[in-house]
Amino acid sequence: MLRIHFTIDDLVRTTVAPTADPLWEVVLAGDRLRDHVQPRVFHDWVNAVRKRLDRRDPAPRLLHVLAPVSDLLTPPESADGLEAGLAALRATPPHRLAAELGRLGPLPAWVDPLLGGPRGPAVLADVVRHLYSVLVEPHAEVVRESVNADRARRARDLVDAGVPGLLAGLRPHARWDGSVLEVDSPQDRDLHPRGRGLRLVPSYFARRPGTPADPDLPPVLVYPISDADRWTGAAPGGLDELLGPTRSAVLECARTGAGTTELARRVGTSPASVSRHTGVLRGAGLIRTTRHGTRTVHSLTTLGEALVTGRVPAAGG
């Protein structure tokens, strides 16, 4: 179990990342791809990845070999996006790469020709970019919309109960006792952010929470988003027939809260069309429309959330 010990300063500085971390998603997607049994939400993704991957491609095998030294593959700079993360990989001193490889013990004979020598970090960055293009990039919109839904959930927890409520909302993978966040982890260790706070990073592909092994790196907890927030790229079966494809898409995309123009972009229709559909959905009690300054935001009601996710709202909800 991982125990993260918070001070008051840590609570004040705890944040939720605006997006999934691209390099963490590469590592976690590679880990997910090796599962023999996949949840239904990942079936289409697995099938698409296997069609794109050449069986002779060494990149997935290399990712598997390097998984135990994931700090190497997930530099803090990737919080600023894919290119920033890849630039940090290229800038890895060759002696550090050699040291990390040495920690892994005997390696397959084909690894050294790939990563040995001064060009090793650049080759590693190219491999990770390639894996991103195969494992994550074709699924990027689905990841983005799912993470947005998770962030909306975390925002509600924060507004309702502050940072303690935000941390308590990480169940079932973590438990908050008022000063320590106990996180399910195969390793038994303690992490003291020491006033630096904790950056919570939602992940589409993660099965369980992850954090850098090096305690001197910025404190990060990458956590799996809720299954209810994982979008597959299509509305649940039956909604198209019930509402029509465009109205069903508007309802699905309103899960994360969006303005009329943003909904029109996501759905691929005009703002005027979206306005008509949101009017009908609002009249049916499936969405609410609020105004924030000059911006109008559409979001799901409890009934709308239940219809989209297929979950019956609790009594009194």
C-alpha atoms as a PDB file:
ATOM      1  CA  MET A   1       0.000   0.000   0.000  1.00  0.00           C
ATOM      2  CA  LEU A   2       1.120   3.554  -0.748  1.00  0.00           C
ATOM      3  CA  ARG A   3       0.502   6.076   2.039  1.00  0.00           C
ATOM      4  CA  ILE A   4       0.592   9.771   1.068  1.00  0.00           C
ATOM      5  CA  HIS A   5       0.976  12.012   4.115  1.00  0.00           C
ATOM      6  CA  PHE A   6      -0.533  15.488   3.779  1.00  0.00           C
ATOM      7  CA  THR A   7       0.273  18.711   5.556  1.00  0.00           C
ATOM      8  CA  ILE A   8      -2.007  21.749   5.392  1.00  0.00           C
ATOM      9  CA  ASP A   9       0.242  23.167   2.642  1.00  0.00           C
ATOM     10  CA  ASP A  10      -0.133  19.920   0.683  1.00  0.00           C
ATOM     11  CA  LEU A  11      -3.919  20.142   0.870  1.00  0.00           C
ATOM     12  CA  VAL A  12      -3.863  23.734  -0.347  1.00  0.00           C
ATOM     13  CA  ARG A  13      -1.604  22.832  -3.294  1.00  0.00           C
ATOM     14  CA  THR A  14      -3.470  19.685  -4.408  1.00  0.00           C
ATOM     15  CA  THR A  15      -4.791  20.000  -7.969  1.00  0.00           C
ATOM     16  CA  VAL A  16      -6.412  17.918 -10.711  1.00  0.00           C
ATOM     17  CA  ALA A  17      -4.599  17.889 -14.069  1.00  0.00           C
ATOM     18  CA  PRO A  18      -6.620  19.325 -16.988  1.00  0.00           C
ATOM     19  CA  THR A  19      -5.844  16.344 -19.244  1.00  0.00           C
ATOM     20  CA  ALA A  20      -4.453  12.841 -19.141  1.00  0.00           C
ATOM     21  CA  ASP A  21      -0.644  12.718 -19.247  1.00  0.00           C
ATOM     22  CA  PRO A  22       0.317  11.470 -22.748  1.00  0.00           C
ATOM     23  CA  LEU A  23       3.399   9.494 -21.710  1.00  0.00           C
ATOM     24  CA  TRP A  24       1.705   7.921 -18.725  1.00  0.00           C
ATOM     25  CA  GLU A  25      -1.113   6.904 -21.098  1.00  0.00           C
ATOM     26  CA  VAL A  26       1.402   5.212 -23.409  1.00  0.00           C
ATOM     27  CA  VAL A  27       2.856   3.181 -20.522  1.00  0.00           C
ATOM     28  CA  LEU A  28      -0.568   2.311 -19.097  1.00  0.00           C
ATOM     29  CA  ALA A  29      -2.078   1.499 -22.497  1.00  0.00           C
ATOM     30  CA  GLY A  30       0.821  -0.869 -23.153  1.00  0.00           C
ATOM     31  CA  ASP A  31       0.153  -2.508 -19.812  1.00  0.00           C
ATOM     32  CA  ARG A  32      -3.573  -2.714 -20.596  1.00  0.00           C
ATOM     33  CA  LEU A  33      -2.890  -4.281 -24.008  1.00  0.00           C
ATOM     34  CA  ARG A  34      -1.179  -7.255 -22.335  1.00  0.00           C
ATOM     35  CA  ASP A  35      -4.301  -8.180 -20.347  1.00  0.00           C
ATOM     36  CA  HIS A  36      -5.758 -11.500 -21.461  1.00  0.00           C
ATOM     37  CA  VAL A  37      -9.265 -10.511 -20.333  1.00  0.00           C
ATOM     38  CA  GLN A  38     -10.451  -6.997 -21.205  1.00  0.00           C
ATOM     39  CA  PRO A  39     -13.476  -5.074 -19.912  1.00  0.00           C
ATOM     40  CA  ARG A  40     -16.052  -4.586 -22.651  1.00  0.00           C
ATOM     41  CA  VAL A  41     -15.252  -0.878 -22.976  1.00  0.00           C
ATOM     42  CA  PHE A  42     -11.745  -1.772 -24.245  1.00  0.00           C
ATOM     43  CA  HIS A  43     -12.737  -4.460 -26.785  1.00  0.00           C
ATOM     44  CA  ASP A  44     -12.896  -2.126 -29.801  1.00  0.00           C
ATOM     45  CA  TRP A  45      -9.656  -0.419 -28.770  1.00  0.00           C
ATOM     46  CA  VAL A  46      -7.778  -3.710 -28.449  1.00  0.00           C
ATOM     47  CA  ASN A  47      -9.041  -4.930 -31.817  1.00  0.00           C
ATOM     48  CA  ALA A  48      -8.071  -1.663 -33.525  1.00  0.00           C
ATOM     49  CA  VAL A  49      -4.583  -1.627 -31.944  1.00  0.00           C
ATOM     50  CA  ARG A  50      -3.874  -5.213 -32.957  1.00  0.00           C
ATOM     51  CA  LYS A  51      -4.791  -4.379 -36.548  1.00  0.00           C
ATOM     52  CA  ARG A  52      -2.438  -1.377 -36.541  1.00  0.00           C
ATOM     53  CA  LEU A  53       0.500  -3.165 -34.923  1.00  0.00           C
ATOM     54  CA  ASP A  54       2.960  -5.149 -36.985  1.00  0.00           C
ATOM     55  CA  ARG A  55       3.729  -8.402 -35.160  1.00  0.00           C
ATOM     56  CA  ARG A  56       7.433  -7.837 -35.850  1.00  0.00           C
ATOM     57  CA  ASP A  57       7.338  -4.355 -34.287  1.00  0.00           C
ATOM     58  CA  PRO A  58       9.711  -4.410 -31.268  1.00  0.00           C
ATOM     59  CA  ALA A  59       8.209  -1.283 -29.675  1.00  0.00           C
ATOM     60  CA  PRO A  60       5.520  -2.994 -27.524  1.00  0.00           C
ATOM     61  CA  ARG A  61       8.065  -5.559 -26.310  1.00  0.00           C
ATOM     62  CA  LEU A  62      10.515  -2.780 -25.465  1.00  0.00           C
ATOM     63  CA  LEU A  63       7.794  -0.958 -23.507  1.00  0.00           C
ATOM     64  CA  HIS A  64       7.165  -4.154 -21.554  1.00  0.00           C
ATOM     65  CA  VAL A  65      10.889  -4.551 -20.810  1.00  0.00           C
ATOM     66  CA  LEU A  66      11.169  -0.944 -19.587  1.00  0.00           C
ATOM     67  CA  ALA A  67       7.946  -0.920 -17.540  1.00  0.00           C
ATOM     68  CA  PRO A  68       9.776  -1.456 -14.195  1.00  0.00           C
ATOM     69  CA  VAL A  69      11.672   1.832 -14.741  1.00  0.00           C
ATOM     70  CA  SER A  70       8.563   3.850 -15.617  1.00  0.00           C
ATOM     71  CA  ASP A  71      10.055   7.067 -14.133  1.00  0.00           C
ATOM     72  CA  LEU A  72      12.352   7.074 -17.160  1.00  0.00           C
ATOM     73  CA  LEU A  73       9.385   6.923 -19.547  1.00  0.00           C
ATOM     74  CA  THR A  74       7.201   9.455 -17.703  1.00  0.00           C
ATOM     75  CA  PRO A  75       9.279  12.605 -17.083  1.00  0.00           C
ATOM     76  CA  PRO A  76       7.474  15.438 -15.244  1.00  0.00           C
ATOM     77  CA  GLU A  77       7.707  17.592 -18.396  1.00  0.00           C
ATOM     78  CA  SER A  78       5.032  15.447 -20.080  1.00  0.00           C
ATOM     79  CA  ALA A  79       2.496  17.303 -17.928  1.00  0.00           C
ATOM     80  CA  ASP A  80       2.931  20.058 -20.545  1.00  0.00           C
ATOM     81  CA  GLY A  81       2.031  17.742 -23.426  1.00  0.00           C
ATOM     82  CA  LEU A  82       3.440  15.089 -25.712  1.00  0.00           C
ATOM     83  CA  GLU A  83       6.162  17.192 -27.341  1.00  0.00           C
ATOM     84  CA  ALA A  84       7.458  18.461 -24.005  1.00  0.00           C
ATOM     85  CA  GLY A  85       7.615  14.912 -22.681  1.00  0.00           C
ATOM     86  CA  LEU A  86       9.411  13.608 -25.762  1.00  0.00           C
ATOM     87  CA  ALA A  87      11.903  16.478 -25.605  1.00  0.00           C
ATOM     88  CA  ALA A  88      12.670  15.504 -22.004  1.00  0.00           C
ATOM     89  CA  LEU A  89      13.226  11.890 -23.087  1.00  0.00           C
ATOM     90  CA  ARG A  90      15.648  13.015 -25.804  1.00  0.00           C
ATOM     91  CA  ALA A  91      17.508  15.103 -23.242  1.00  0.00           C
ATOM     92  CA  THR A  92      18.041  12.117 -20.937  1.00  0.00           C
ATOM     93  CA  PRO A  93      21.801  11.781 -20.353  1.00  0.00           C
ATOM     94  CA  PRO A  94      23.013   8.526 -21.968  1.00  0.00           C
ATOM     95  CA  HIS A  95      24.672   7.509 -18.688  1.00  0.00           C
ATOM     96  CA  ARG A  96      21.300   7.738 -16.891  1.00  0.00           C
ATOM     97  CA  LEU A  97      19.648   5.573 -19.545  1.00  0.00           C
ATOM     98  CA  ALA A  98      22.481   3.052 -19.182  1.00  0.00           C
ATOM     99  CA  ALA A  99      22.066   3.076 -15.388  1.00  0.00           C
ATOM    100  CA  GLU A 100      18.287   2.514 -15.657  1.00  0.00           C
ATOM    101  CA  LEU A 101      18.833  -0.373 -18.060  1.00  0.00           C
ATOM    102  CA  GLY A 102      21.408  -1.797 -15.673  1.00  0.00           C
ATOM    103  CA  ARG A 103      18.823  -1.885 -12.890  1.00  0.00           C
ATOM    104  CA  LEU A 104      16.719  -4.263 -14.977  1.00  0.00           C
ATOM    105  CA  GLY A 105      19.307  -7.027 -14.880  1.00  0.00           C
ATOM    106  CA  PRO A 106      19.991  -9.216 -17.925  1.00  0.00           C
ATOM    107  CA  LEU A 107      18.183  -7.797 -20.953  1.00  0.00           C
ATOM    108  CA  PRO A 108      17.158  -9.444 -24.228  1.00  0.00           C
ATOM    109  CA  ALA A 109      19.985  -9.301 -26.767  1.00  0.00           C
ATOM    110  CA  TRP A 110      18.010  -7.027 -29.106  1.00  0.00           C
ATOM    111  CA  VAL A 111      17.667  -4.189 -26.548  1.00  0.00           C
ATOM    112  CA  ASP A 112      21.284  -2.969 -26.500  1.00  0.00           C
ATOM    113  CA  PRO A 113      21.510  -2.322 -30.280  1.00  0.00           C
ATOM    114  CA  LEU A 114      18.370  -0.170 -29.927  1.00  0.00           C
ATOM    115  CA  LEU A 115      19.179   1.871 -26.827  1.00  0.00           C
ATOM    116  CA  GLY A 116      22.912   1.467 -26.267  1.00  0.00           C
ATOM    117  CA  GLY A 117      25.236   4.304 -27.172  1.00  0.00           C
ATOM    118  CA  PRO A 118      24.806   8.084 -27.316  1.00  0.00           C
ATOM    119  CA  ARG A 119      21.706   7.951 -29.547  1.00  0.00           C
ATOM    120  CA  GLY A 120      19.817   5.754 -27.085  1.00  0.00           C
ATOM    121  CA  PRO A 121      17.651   8.549 -25.614  1.00  0.00           C
ATOM    122  CA  ALA A 122      16.656   9.819 -29.068  1.00  0.00           C
ATOM    123  CA  VAL A 123      15.730   6.298 -30.167  1.00  0.00           C
ATOM    124  CA  LEU A 124      13.696   5.843 -26.977  1.00  0.00           C
ATOM    125  CA  ALA A 125      11.799   9.069 -27.671  1.00  0.00           C
ATOM    126  CA  ASP A 126      11.065   7.893 -31.220  1.00  0.00           C
ATOM    127  CA  VAL A 127       9.781   4.558 -29.909  1.00  0.00           C
ATOM    128  CA  VAL A 128       7.472   6.287 -27.427  1.00  0.00           C
ATOM    129  CA  ARG A 129       6.171   8.649 -30.121  1.00  0.00           C
ATOM    130  CA  HIS A 130       5.455   5.634 -32.342  1.00  0.00           C
ATOM    131  CA  LEU A 131       3.609   3.874 -29.529  1.00  0.00           C
ATOM    132  CA  TYR A 132       1.592   7.002 -28.810  1.00  0.00           C
ATOM    133  CA  SER A 133       0.518   7.114 -32.467  1.00  0.00           C
ATOM    134  CA  VAL A 134      -0.644   3.482 -32.289  1.00  0.00           C
ATOM    135  CA  LEU A 135      -2.023   3.097 -28.768  1.00  0.00           C
ATOM    136  CA  VAL A 136      -3.383   6.514 -27.805  1.00  0.00           C
ATOM    137  CA  GLU A 137      -3.647   9.041 -30.620  1.00  0.00           C
ATOM    138  CA  PRO A 138      -6.413   7.311 -32.640  1.00  0.00           C
ATOM    139  CA  HIS A 139      -8.407   7.156 -29.389  1.00  0.00           C
ATOM    140  CA  ALA A 140      -7.569  10.711 -28.305  1.00  0.00           C
ATOM    141  CA  GLU A 141     -11.084  12.171 -28.556  1.00  0.00           C
ATOM    142  CA  VAL A 142     -12.535   9.329 -26.500  1.00  0.00           C
ATOM    143  CA  VAL A 143      -9.797   9.783 -23.868  1.00  0.00           C
ATOM    144  CA  ARG A 144     -10.347  13.550 -23.796  1.00  0.00           C
ATOM    145  CA  GLU A 145     -14.140  13.359 -23.399  1.00  0.00           C
ATOM    146  CA  SER A 146     -13.844  10.642 -20.732  1.00  0.00           C
ATOM    147  CA  VAL A 147     -11.287  12.642 -18.745  1.00  0.00           C
ATOM    148  CA  ASN A 148     -13.505  15.728 -19.033  1.00  0.00           C
ATOM    149  CA  ALA A 149     -16.349  13.721 -17.502  1.00  0.00           C
ATOM    150  CA  ASP A 150     -14.050  12.667 -14.665  1.00  0.00           C
ATOM    151  CA  ARG A 151     -12.931  16.257 -14.080  1.00  0.00           C
ATOM    152  CA  ALA A 152     -16.567  17.345 -13.849  1.00  0.00           C
ATOM    153  CA  ARG A 153     -17.052  14.677 -11.185  1.00  0.00           C
ATOM    154  CA  ARG A 154     -13.943  15.851  -9.265  1.00  0.00           C
ATOM    155  CA  ALA A 155     -15.088  19.482  -9.533  1.00  0.00           C
ATOM    156  CA  ARG A 156     -18.407  18.572  -7.916  1.00  0.00           C
ATOM    157  CA  ASP A 157     -16.572  16.773  -5.099  1.00  0.00           C
ATOM    158  CA  LEU A 158     -14.342  19.819  -4.572  1.00  0.00           C
ATOM    159  CA  VAL A 159     -17.240  22.288  -4.548  1.00  0.00           C
ATOM    160  CA  ASP A 160     -19.327  20.118  -2.231  1.00  0.00           C
ATOM    161  CA  ALA A 161     -16.652  19.128   0.308  1.00  0.00           C
ATOM    162  CA  GLY A 162     -13.347  20.848  -0.484  1.00  0.00           C
ATOM    163  CA  VAL A 163     -10.043  19.039  -0.989  1.00  0.00           C
ATOM    164  CA  PRO A 164     -10.911  16.356   1.623  1.00  0.00           C
ATOM    165  CA  GLY A 165     -14.007  15.573  -0.442  1.00  0.00           C
ATOM    166  CA  LEU A 166     -11.901  15.476  -3.597  1.00  0.00           C
ATOM    167  CA  LEU A 167      -9.530  12.949  -2.012  1.00  0.00           C
ATOM    168  CA  ALA A 168     -12.355  10.898  -0.501  1.00  0.00           C
ATOM    169  CA  GLY A 169     -13.883  10.700  -3.987  1.00  0.00           C
ATOM    170  CA  LEU A 170     -10.942   8.593  -5.199  1.00  0.00           C
ATOM    171  CA  ARG A 171     -12.560   5.455  -3.774  1.00  0.00           C
ATOM    172  CA  PRO A 172     -12.405   2.520  -4.334  1.00  0.00           C
ATOM    173  CA  HIS A 173      -8.731   2.829  -5.278  1.00  0.00           C
ATOM    174  CA  ALA A 174      -7.798   5.119  -2.369  1.00  0.00           C
ATOM    175  CA  ARG A 175      -9.106   5.996   1.092  1.00  0.00           C
ATOM    176  CA  TRP A 176      -8.792   9.335   2.871  1.00  0.00           C
ATOM    177  CA  ASP A 177      -8.579   9.325   6.692  1.00  0.00           C
ATOM    178  CA  GLY A 178      -8.174  13.065   7.270  1.00  0.00           C
ATOM    179  CA  SER A 179      -4.392  13.310   6.952  1.00  0.00           C
ATOM    180  CA  VAL A 180      -3.224  10.263   4.988  1.00  0.00           C
ATOM    181  CA  LEU A 181      -4.375   9.023   1.589  1.00  0.00           C
ATOM    182  CA  GLU A 182      -4.037   5.230   1.491  1.00  0.00           C
ATOM    183  CA  VAL A 183      -3.658   4.103  -2.118  1.00  0.00           C
ATOM    184  CA  ASP A 184      -3.914   0.552  -3.456  1.00  0.00           C
ATOM    185  CA  SER A 185      -0.415  -0.294  -4.681  1.00  0.00           C
ATOM    186  CA  PRO A 186       1.704  -3.438  -4.990  1.00  0.00           C
ATOM    187  CA  GLN A 187       4.511  -1.599  -3.185  1.00  0.00           C
ATOM    188  CA  ASP A 188       4.471  -0.757   0.510  1.00  0.00           C
ATOM    189  CA  ARG A 189       5.862   2.733   0.946  1.00  0.00           C
ATOM    190  CA  ASP A 190       5.215   6.217   2.315  1.00  0.00           C
ATOM    191  CA  LEU A 191       5.264   9.450   0.326  1.00  0.00           C
ATOM    192  CA  HIS A 192       5.654  12.837   2.007  1.00  0.00           C
ATOM    193  CA  PRO A 193       4.955  15.699  -0.446  1.00  0.00           C
ATOM    194  CA  ARG A 194       6.498  18.127   2.099  1.00  0.00           C
ATOM    195  CA  GLY A 195       4.333  21.092   1.160  1.00  0.00           C
ATOM    196  CA  ARG A 196       4.571  20.542  -2.592  1.00  0.00           C
ATOM    197  CA  GLY A 197       0.985  19.313  -2.825  1.00  0.00           C
ATOM    198  CA  LEU A 198      -0.253  16.443  -4.968  1.00  0.00           C
ATOM    199  CA  ARG A 199      -1.136  16.563  -8.656  1.00  0.00           C
ATOM    200  CA  LEU A 200      -3.977  14.174  -9.423  1.00  0.00           C
ATOM    201  CA  VAL A 201      -3.808  12.955 -13.024  1.00  0.00           C
ATOM    202  CA  PRO A 202      -6.832  11.117 -14.465  1.00  0.00           C
ATOM    203  CA  SER A 203      -6.061   8.169 -16.730  1.00  0.00           C
ATOM    204  CA  TYR A 204      -8.279   6.425 -19.253  1.00  0.00           C
ATOM    205  CA  PHE A 205      -6.117   3.289 -19.458  1.00  0.00           C
ATOM    206  CA  ALA A 206      -4.962   2.785 -15.853  1.00  0.00           C
ATOM    207  CA  ARG A 207      -6.149  -0.275 -13.935  1.00  0.00           C
ATOM    208  CA  ARG A 208      -4.852   1.004 -10.600  1.00  0.00           C
ATOM    209  CA  PRO A 209      -3.203   4.196  -9.311  1.00  0.00           C
ATOM    210  CA  GLY A 210       0.449   4.913 -10.073  1.00  0.00           C
ATOM    211  CA  THR A 211       3.034   7.388  -8.857  1.00  0.00           C
ATOM    212  CA  PRO A 212       6.726   8.075  -9.581  1.00  0.00           C
ATOM    213  CA  ALA A 213       9.104   5.805  -7.707  1.00  0.00           C
ATOM    214  CA  ASP A 214      11.517   8.697  -7.013  1.00  0.00           C
ATOM    215  CA  PRO A 215      10.184  10.706  -4.015  1.00  0.00           C
ATOM    216  CA  ASP A 216      12.153  13.761  -5.155  1.00  0.00           C
ATOM    217  CA  LEU A 217      10.106  14.063  -8.345  1.00  0.00           C
ATOM    218  CA  PRO A 218       7.016  16.308  -8.217  1.00  0.00           C
ATOM    219  CA  PRO A 219       4.312  14.372  -6.297  1.00  0.00           C
ATOM    220  CA  VAL A 220       1.850  12.886  -8.780  1.00  0.00           C
ATOM    221  CA  LEU A 221      -0.910  10.315  -8.433  1.00  0.00           C
ATOM    222  CA  VAL A 222      -2.183   8.907 -11.721  1.00  0.00           C
ATOM    223  CA  TYR A 223      -5.563   7.319 -11.027  1.00  0.00           C
ATOM    224  CA  PRO A 224      -8.090   5.314 -13.108  1.00  0.00           C
ATOM    225  CA  ILE A 225     -11.182   7.258 -14.057  1.00  0.00           C
ATOM    226  CA  SER A 226     -14.518   5.730 -13.095  1.00  0.00           C
ATOM    227  CA  ASP A 227     -15.975   3.135 -15.437  1.00  0.00           C
ATOM    228  CA  ALA A 228     -19.082   5.327 -15.601  1.00  0.00           C
ATOM    229  CA  ASP A 229     -16.974   8.103 -17.167  1.00  0.00           C
ATOM    230  CA  ARG A 230     -15.204   5.935 -19.750  1.00  0.00           C
ATOM    231  CA  TRP A 231     -16.785   6.855 -23.063  1.00  0.00           C
ATOM    232  CA  THR A 232     -16.512   4.319 -25.862  1.00  0.00           C
ATOM    233  CA  GLY A 233     -17.134   6.831 -28.653  1.00  0.00           C
ATOM    234  CA  ALA A 234     -20.781   5.949 -29.056  1.00  0.00           C
ATOM    235  CA  ALA A 235     -23.909   6.440 -27.027  1.00  0.00           C
ATOM    236  CA  PRO A 236     -25.235   3.396 -25.156  1.00  0.00           C
ATOM    237  CA  GLY A 237     -27.332   1.075 -27.293  1.00  0.00           C
ATOM    238  CA  GLY A 238     -30.929   2.183 -27.671  1.00  0.00           C
ATOM    239  CA  LEU A 239     -30.442   5.932 -27.164  1.00  0.00           C
ATOM    240  CA  ASP A 240     -30.131   6.592 -30.888  1.00  0.00           C
ATOM    241  CA  GLU A 241     -33.430   4.829 -31.470  1.00  0.00           C
ATOM    242  CA  LEU A 242     -35.072   6.634 -28.548  1.00  0.00           C
ATOM    243  CA  LEU A 243     -33.806  10.164 -29.145  1.00  0.00           C
ATOM    244  CA  GLY A 244     -32.376  10.171 -32.662  1.00  0.00           C
ATOM    245  CA  PRO A 245     -28.615  10.143 -33.357  1.00  0.00           C
ATOM    246  CA  THR A 246     -28.009  13.904 -33.121  1.00  0.00           C
ATOM    247  CA  ARG A 247     -30.011  14.449 -29.942  1.00  0.00           C
ATOM    248  CA  SER A 248     -28.416  11.360 -28.418  1.00  0.00           C
ATOM    249  CA  ALA A 249     -24.955  12.750 -29.253  1.00  0.00           C
ATOM    250  CA  VAL A 250     -25.849  16.138 -27.736  1.00  0.00           C
ATOM    251  CA  LEU A 251     -26.939  14.405 -24.533  1.00  0.00           C
ATOM    252  CA  GLU A 252     -23.743  12.305 -24.396  1.00  0.00           C
ATOM    253  CA  CYS A 253     -21.460  15.297 -24.997  1.00  0.00           C
ATOM    254  CA  ALA A 254     -23.251  17.405 -22.372  1.00  0.00           C
ATOM    255  CA  ARG A 255     -21.955  15.038 -19.674  1.00  0.00           C
ATOM    256  CA  THR A 256     -18.904  17.231 -19.172  1.00  0.00           C
ATOM    257  CA  GLY A 257     -20.740  20.553 -19.381  1.00  0.00           C
ATOM    258  CA  ALA A 258     -20.384  22.556 -22.569  1.00  0.00           C
ATOM    259  CA  GLY A 259     -21.643  25.674 -24.318  1.00  0.00           C
ATOM    260  CA  THR A 260     -23.808  25.620 -27.415  1.00  0.00           C
ATOM    261  CA  THR A 261     -20.919  26.304 -29.813  1.00  0.00           C
ATOM    262  CA  GLU A 262     -18.741  23.648 -28.170  1.00  0.00           C
ATOM    263  CA  LEU A 263     -21.544  21.077 -28.354  1.00  0.00           C
ATOM    264  CA  ALA A 264     -22.039  21.922 -32.033  1.00  0.00           C
ATOM    265  CA  ARG A 265     -18.320  21.320 -32.678  1.00  0.00           C
ATOM    266  CA  ARG A 266     -18.306  18.021 -30.811  1.00  0.00           C
ATOM    267  CA  VAL A 267     -21.477  16.709 -32.439  1.00  0.00           C
ATOM    268  CA  GLY A 268     -20.690  18.053 -35.908  1.00  0.00           C
ATOM    269  CA  THR A 269     -23.789  20.178 -36.419  1.00  0.00           C
ATOM    270  CA  SER A 270     -24.771  23.860 -36.268  1.00  0.00           C
ATOM    271  CA  PRO A 271     -25.303  25.906 -33.082  1.00  0.00           C
ATOM    272  CA  ALA A 272     -28.899  26.528 -34.196  1.00  0.00           C
ATOM    273  CA  SER A 273     -29.500  22.768 -34.396  1.00  0.00           C
ATOM    274  CA  VAL A 274     -27.923  22.231 -30.977  1.00  0.00           C
ATOM    275  CA  SER A 275     -30.144  24.960 -29.500  1.00  0.00           C
ATOM    276  CA  ARG A 276     -33.242  23.138 -30.745  1.00  0.00           C
ATOM    277  CA  HIS A 277     -32.068  19.824 -29.321  1.00  0.00           C
ATOM    278  CA  THR A 278     -31.026  21.262 -25.949  1.00  0.00           C
ATOM    279  CA  GLY A 279     -34.453  22.923 -25.692  1.00  0.00           C
ATOM    280  CA  VAL A 280     -36.176  19.556 -26.110  1.00  0.00           C
ATOM    281  CA  LEU A 281     -33.775  17.804 -23.713  1.00  0.00           C
ATOM    282  CA  ARG A 282     -34.213  20.582 -21.136  1.00  0.00           C
ATOM    283  CA  GLY A 283     -37.984  20.325 -21.405  1.00  0.00           C
ATOM    284  CA  ALA A 284     -37.711  16.564 -20.770  1.00  0.00           C
ATOM    285  CA  GLY A 285     -35.672  17.188 -17.617  1.00  0.00           C
ATOM    286  CA  LEU A 286     -32.507  15.579 -19.034  1.00  0.00           C
ATOM    287  CA  ILE A 287     -30.250  18.646 -19.084  1.00  0.00           C
ATOM    288  CA  ARG A 288     -30.005  21.931 -17.237  1.00  0.00           C
ATOM    289  CA  THR A 289     -28.799  25.177 -18.785  1.00  0.00           C
ATOM    290  CA  THR A 290     -26.985  27.744 -16.651  1.00  0.00           C
ATOM    291  CA  ARG A 291     -25.327  31.025 -17.460  1.00  0.00           C
ATOM    292  CA  HIS A 292     -21.767  31.856 -16.382  1.00  0.00           C
ATOM    293  CA  GLY A 293     -21.195  35.498 -17.307  1.00  0.00           C
ATOM    294  CA  THR A 294     -21.822  35.662 -21.037  1.00  0.00           C
ATOM    295  CA  ARG A 295     -21.445  31.898 -21.491  1.00  0.00           C
ATOM    296  CA  THR A 296     -24.316  29.422 -21.466  1.00  0.00           C
ATOM    297  CA  VAL A 297     -23.427  25.942 -20.195  1.00  0.00           C
ATOM    298  CA  HIS A 298     -25.481  22.788 -20.722  1.00  0.00           C
ATOM    299  CA  SER A 299     -24.972  19.859 -18.333  1.00  0.00           C
ATOM    300  CA  LEU A 300     -26.845  16.700 -17.413  1.00  0.00           C
ATOM    301  CA  THR A 301     -29.414  16.444 -14.665  1.00  0.00           C
ATOM    302  CA  THR A 302     -29.451  13.386 -12.424  1.00  0.00           C
ATOM    303  CA  LEU A 303     -32.079  11.876 -14.731  1.00  0.00           C
ATOM    304  CA  GLY A 304     -29.989  12.638 -17.820  1.00  0.00           C
ATOM    305  CA  GLU A 305     -26.884  11.102 -16.225  1.00  0.00           C
ATOM    306  CA  ALA A 306     -28.873   7.971 -15.375  1.00  0.00           C
ATOM    307  CA  LEU A 307     -30.159   7.695 -18.946  1.00  0.00           C
ATOM    308  CA  VAL A 308     -26.672   8.059 -20.467  1.00  0.00           C
ATOM    309  CA  THR A 309     -24.881   5.730 -18.056  1.00  0.00           C
ATOM    310  CA  GLY A 310     -27.705   3.232 -17.644  1.00  0.00           C
ATOM    311  CA  ARG A 311     -27.586   3.652 -13.867  1.00  0.00           C
ATOM    312  CA  VAL A 312     -30.752   4.239 -11.837  1.00  0.00           C
ATOM    313  CA  PRO A 313     -30.425   7.349  -9.595  1.00  0.00           C
ATOM    314  CA  ALA A 314     -30.528   6.761  -5.854  1.00  0.00           C
ATOM    315  CA  ALA A 315     -33.768   7.525  -4.048  1.00  0.00           C
ATOM    316  CA  GLY A 316     -33.979  11.218  -3.328  1.00  0.00           C
ATOM    317  CA  GLY A 317     -31.215  11.952  -5.943  1.00  0.00           C
END
